[in-house]
PDB file of N, CA and C in Angstrom:
ATOM      1  N   UNK A   1       0.847  -1.176   0.000  1.00  0.00           N
ATOM      2  CA  UNK A   1       0.000   0.000   0.000  1.00  0.00           C
ATOM      3  C   UNK A   1       0.894   1.241   0.000  1.00  0.00           C
ATOM      4  N   UNK A   2       0.611   2.147  -0.911  1.00  0.00           N
ATOM      5  CA  UNK A   2       1.452   3.332  -1.076  1.00  0.00           C
ATOM      6  C   UNK A   2       1.461   4.241   0.149  1.00  0.00           C
ATOM      7  N   UNK A   3       0.314   4.376   0.831  1.00  0.00           N
ATOM      8  CA  UNK A   3       0.287   5.243   1.999  1.00  0.00           C
ATOM      9  C   UNK A   3       1.243   4.717   3.065  1.00  0.00           C
ATOM     10  N   UNK A   4       1.256   3.407   3.266  1.00  0.00           N
ATOM     11  CA  UNK A   4       2.146   2.813   4.258  1.00  0.00           C
ATOM     12  C   UNK A   4       3.604   3.038   3.869  1.00  0.00           C
ATOM     13  N   UNK A   5       3.924   2.912   2.599  1.00  0.00           N
ATOM     14  CA  UNK A   5       5.286   3.186   2.139  1.00  0.00           C
ATOM     15  C   UNK A   5       5.666   4.638   2.422  1.00  0.00           C
ATOM     16  N   UNK A   6       4.746   5.551   2.156  1.00  0.00           N
ATOM     17  CA  UNK A   6       4.998   6.972   2.420  1.00  0.00           C
ATOM     18  C   UNK A   6       5.155   7.203   3.919  1.00  0.00           C
ATOM     19  N   UNK A   7       4.351   6.544   4.724  1.00  0.00           N
ATOM     20  CA  UNK A   7       4.454   6.668   6.178  1.00  0.00           C
ATOM     21  C   UNK A   7       5.834   6.214   6.645  1.00  0.00           C
ATOM     22  N   UNK A   8       6.276   5.091   6.152  1.00  0.00           N
ATOM     23  CA  UNK A   8       7.582   4.558   6.542  1.00  0.00           C
ATOM     24  C   UNK A   8       8.719   5.464   6.089  1.00  0.00           C
ATOM     25  N   UNK A   9       8.498   6.206   5.009  1.00  0.00           N
ATOM     26  CA  UNK A   9       9.499   7.151   4.508  1.00  0.00           C
ATOM     27  C   UNK A   9       9.379   8.521   5.175  1.00  0.00           C
ATOM     28  N   UNK A  10       8.358   8.689   6.027  1.00  0.00           N
ATOM     29  CA  UNK A  10       8.173   9.952   6.738  1.00  0.00           C
ATOM     30  C   UNK A  10       7.466  11.029   5.948  1.00  0.00           C
ATOM     31  N   UNK A  11       6.738  10.644   4.886  1.00  0.00           N
ATOM     32  CA  UNK A  11       6.067  11.634   4.036  1.00  0.00           C
ATOM     33  C   UNK A  11       4.596  11.285   3.778  1.00  0.00           C
ATOM     34  N   UNK A  12       3.936  10.701   4.776  1.00  0.00           N
ATOM     35  CA  UNK A  12       2.544  10.279   4.595  1.00  0.00           C
ATOM     36  C   UNK A  12       1.604  11.475   4.486  1.00  0.00           C
ATOM     37  N   UNK A  13       0.594  11.317   3.664  1.00  0.00           N
ATOM     38  CA  UNK A  13      -0.436  12.339   3.473  1.00  0.00           C
ATOM     39  C   UNK A  13      -1.410  12.341   4.649  1.00  0.00           C
ATOM     40  N   UNK A  14      -2.129  13.451   4.844  1.00  0.00           N
ATOM     41  CA  UNK A  14      -3.172  13.482   5.874  1.00  0.00           C
ATOM     42  C   UNK A  14      -4.241  12.425   5.589  1.00  0.00           C
ATOM     43  N   UNK A  15      -4.912  11.986   6.648  1.00  0.00           N
ATOM     44  CA  UNK A  15      -5.927  10.938   6.542  1.00  0.00           C
ATOM     45  C   UNK A  15      -7.223  11.431   7.178  1.00  0.00           C
ATOM     46  N   UNK A  16      -8.319  11.285   6.453  1.00  0.00           N
ATOM     47  CA  UNK A  16      -9.649  11.545   7.025  1.00  0.00           C
ATOM     48  C   UNK A  16     -10.158  10.188   7.499  1.00  0.00           C
ATOM     49  N   UNK A  17     -10.064   9.962   8.800  1.00  0.00           N
ATOM     50  CA  UNK A  17     -10.410   8.646   9.337  1.00  0.00           C
ATOM     51  C   UNK A  17     -11.843   8.230   9.008  1.00  0.00           C
ATOM     52  N   UNK A  18     -12.755   9.176   9.021  1.00  0.00           N
ATOM     53  CA  UNK A  18     -14.158   8.858   8.735  1.00  0.00           C
ATOM     54  C   UNK A  18     -14.350   8.344   7.313  1.00  0.00           C
ATOM     55  N   UNK A  19     -13.404   8.644   6.435  1.00  0.00           N
ATOM     56  CA  UNK A  19     -13.508   8.213   5.040  1.00  0.00           C
ATOM     57  C   UNK A  19     -12.566   7.054   4.728  1.00  0.00           C
ATOM     58  N   UNK A  20     -11.935   6.505   5.748  1.00  0.00           N
ATOM     59  CA  UNK A  20     -10.974   5.423   5.570  1.00  0.00           C
ATOM     60  C   UNK A  20     -11.663   4.085   5.790  1.00  0.00           C
ATOM     61  N   UNK A  21     -11.515   3.183   4.844  1.00  0.00           N
ATOM     62  CA  UNK A  21     -12.166   1.876   4.933  1.00  0.00           C
ATOM     63  C   UNK A  21     -11.539   1.053   6.054  1.00  0.00           C
ATOM     64  N   UNK A  22     -12.353   0.306   6.766  1.00  0.00           N
ATOM     65  CA  UNK A  22     -11.884  -0.509   7.883  1.00  0.00           C
ATOM     66  C   UNK A  22     -10.837  -1.532   7.450  1.00  0.00           C
ATOM     67  N   UNK A  23     -10.881  -1.976   6.218  1.00  0.00           N
ATOM     68  CA  UNK A  23      -9.905  -2.964   5.742  1.00  0.00           C
ATOM     69  C   UNK A  23      -8.495  -2.393   5.653  1.00  0.00           C
ATOM     70  N   UNK A  24      -8.383  -1.069   5.664  1.00  0.00           N
ATOM     71  CA  UNK A  24      -7.055  -0.455   5.680  1.00  0.00           C
ATOM     72  C   UNK A  24      -6.290  -0.879   6.924  1.00  0.00           C
ATOM     73  N   UNK A  25      -7.023  -1.195   7.991  1.00  0.00           N
ATOM     74  CA  UNK A  25      -6.389  -1.604   9.242  1.00  0.00           C
ATOM     75  C   UNK A  25      -5.732  -2.980   9.133  1.00  0.00           C
ATOM     76  N   UNK A  26      -6.037  -3.716   8.070  1.00  0.00           N
ATOM     77  CA  UNK A  26      -5.372  -4.995   7.831  1.00  0.00           C
ATOM     78  C   UNK A  26      -3.932  -4.776   7.378  1.00  0.00           C
ATOM     79  N   UNK A  27      -3.641  -3.564   6.897  1.00  0.00           N
ATOM     80  CA  UNK A  27      -2.325  -3.245   6.351  1.00  0.00           C
ATOM     81  C   UNK A  27      -1.610  -2.188   7.181  1.00  0.00           C
ATOM     82  N   UNK A  28      -2.358  -1.202   7.649  1.00  0.00           N
ATOM     83  CA  UNK A  28      -1.780  -0.048   8.340  1.00  0.00           C
ATOM     84  C   UNK A  28      -2.242  -0.044   9.795  1.00  0.00           C
ATOM     85  N   UNK A  29      -1.325   0.106  10.744  1.00  0.00           N
ATOM     86  CA  UNK A  29      -1.747   0.185  12.145  1.00  0.00           C
ATOM     87  C   UNK A  29      -2.599   1.437  12.399  1.00  0.00           C
ATOM     88  N   UNK A  30      -3.620   1.293  13.224  1.00  0.00           N
ATOM     89  CA  UNK A  30      -4.498   2.416  13.548  1.00  0.00           C
ATOM     90  C   UNK A  30      -3.700   3.589  14.096  1.00  0.00           C
ATOM     91  N   UNK A  31      -2.698   3.323  14.899  1.00  0.00           N
ATOM     92  CA  UNK A  31      -1.897   4.392  15.490  1.00  0.00           C
ATOM     93  C   UNK A  31      -1.228   5.243  14.405  1.00  0.00           C
ATOM     94  N   UNK A  32      -0.789   4.603  13.331  1.00  0.00           N
ATOM     95  CA  UNK A  32      -0.156   5.340  12.238  1.00  0.00           C
ATOM     96  C   UNK A  32      -1.172   6.256  11.559  1.00  0.00           C
ATOM     97  N   UNK A  33      -2.374   5.747  11.349  1.00  0.00           N
ATOM     98  CA  UNK A  33      -3.423   6.566  10.733  1.00  0.00           C
ATOM     99  C   UNK A  33      -3.797   7.728  11.652  1.00  0.00           C
ATOM    100  N   UNK A  34      -3.896   7.457  12.936  1.00  0.00           N
ATOM    101  CA  UNK A  34      -4.272   8.500  13.889  1.00  0.00           C
ATOM    102  C   UNK A  34      -3.230   9.607  13.947  1.00  0.00           C
ATOM    103  N   UNK A  35      -1.962   9.273  13.759  1.00  0.00           N
ATOM    104  CA  UNK A  35      -0.906  10.286  13.760  1.00  0.00           C
ATOM    105  C   UNK A  35      -1.112  11.317  12.650  1.00  0.00           C
ATOM    106  N   UNK A  36      -1.749  10.895  11.560  1.00  0.00           N
ATOM    107  CA  UNK A  36      -1.924  11.760  10.392  1.00  0.00           C
ATOM    108  C   UNK A  36      -3.383  12.149  10.168  1.00  0.00           C
ATOM    109  N   UNK A  37      -4.207  11.929  11.176  1.00  0.00           N
ATOM    110  CA  UNK A  37      -5.637  12.195  11.039  1.00  0.00           C
ATOM    111  C   UNK A  37      -5.926  13.692  10.983  1.00  0.00           C
ATOM    112  N   UNK A  38      -6.848  14.045  10.117  1.00  0.00           N
ATOM    113  CA  UNK A  38      -7.350  15.413  10.005  1.00  0.00           C
ATOM    114  C   UNK A  38      -8.869  15.349   9.911  1.00  0.00           C
ATOM    115  N   UNK A  39      -9.518  16.442  10.280  1.00  0.00           N
ATOM    116  CA  UNK A  39     -10.956  16.548  10.095  1.00  0.00           C
ATOM    117  C   UNK A  39     -11.225  17.024   8.676  1.00  0.00           C
ATOM    118  N   UNK A  40     -12.418  16.779   8.200  1.00  0.00           N
ATOM    119  CA  UNK A  40     -12.808  17.297   6.902  1.00  0.00           C
ATOM    120  C   UNK A  40     -12.979  18.798   7.061  1.00  0.00           C
ATOM    121  N   UNK A  41     -12.233  19.592   6.295  1.00  0.00           N
ATOM    122  CA  UNK A  41     -12.345  21.046   6.431  1.00  0.00           C
ATOM    123  C   UNK A  41     -13.673  21.554   5.873  1.00  0.00           C
ATOM    124  N   UNK A  42     -14.075  22.731   6.317  1.00  0.00           N
ATOM    125  CA  UNK A  42     -15.297  23.352   5.795  1.00  0.00           C
ATOM    126  C   UNK A  42     -15.192  23.551   4.291  1.00  0.00           C
ATOM    127  N   UNK A  43     -13.982  23.863   3.812  1.00  0.00           N
ATOM    128  CA  UNK A  43     -13.726  24.002   2.378  1.00  0.00           C
ATOM    129  C   UNK A  43     -12.693  22.953   1.975  1.00  0.00           C
ATOM    130  N   UNK A  44     -13.143  21.769   1.534  1.00  0.00           N
ATOM    131  CA  UNK A  44     -12.191  20.709   1.210  1.00  0.00           C
ATOM    132  C   UNK A  44     -11.389  20.973  -0.075  1.00  0.00           C
ATOM    133  N   UNK A  45     -11.573  22.105  -0.691  1.00  0.00           N
ATOM    134  CA  UNK A  45     -10.846  22.437  -1.906  1.00  0.00           C
ATOM    135  C   UNK A  45      -9.338  22.450  -1.727  1.00  0.00           C
ATOM    136  N   UNK A  46      -8.857  22.750  -0.512  1.00  0.00           N
ATOM    137  CA  UNK A  46      -7.403  22.793  -0.272  1.00  0.00           C
ATOM    138  C   UNK A  46      -6.775  21.413  -0.332  1.00  0.00           C
ATOM    139  N   UNK A  47      -7.607  20.344  -0.254  1.00  0.00           N
ATOM    140  CA  UNK A  47      -7.073  18.984  -0.288  1.00  0.00           C
ATOM    141  C   UNK A  47      -6.587  18.608  -1.684  1.00  0.00           C
ATOM    142  N   UNK A  48      -6.935  19.383  -2.662  1.00  0.00           N
ATOM    143  CA  UNK A  48      -6.425  19.091  -3.993  1.00  0.00           C
ATOM    144  C   UNK A  48      -7.506  19.008  -4.955  1.00  0.00           C
TER     145      UNK A  48
END
């Protein structure tokens, strides 16, 4: 999984936990996701 590779390299993207599928936890530890967790902004346009 690319996000996990980025996490291990120290360059992981922010994560919206509410939009993350539970099966991601089969690959990525919850603690890692929580470290990069963000809320959905009022204007999500800045996300790209």
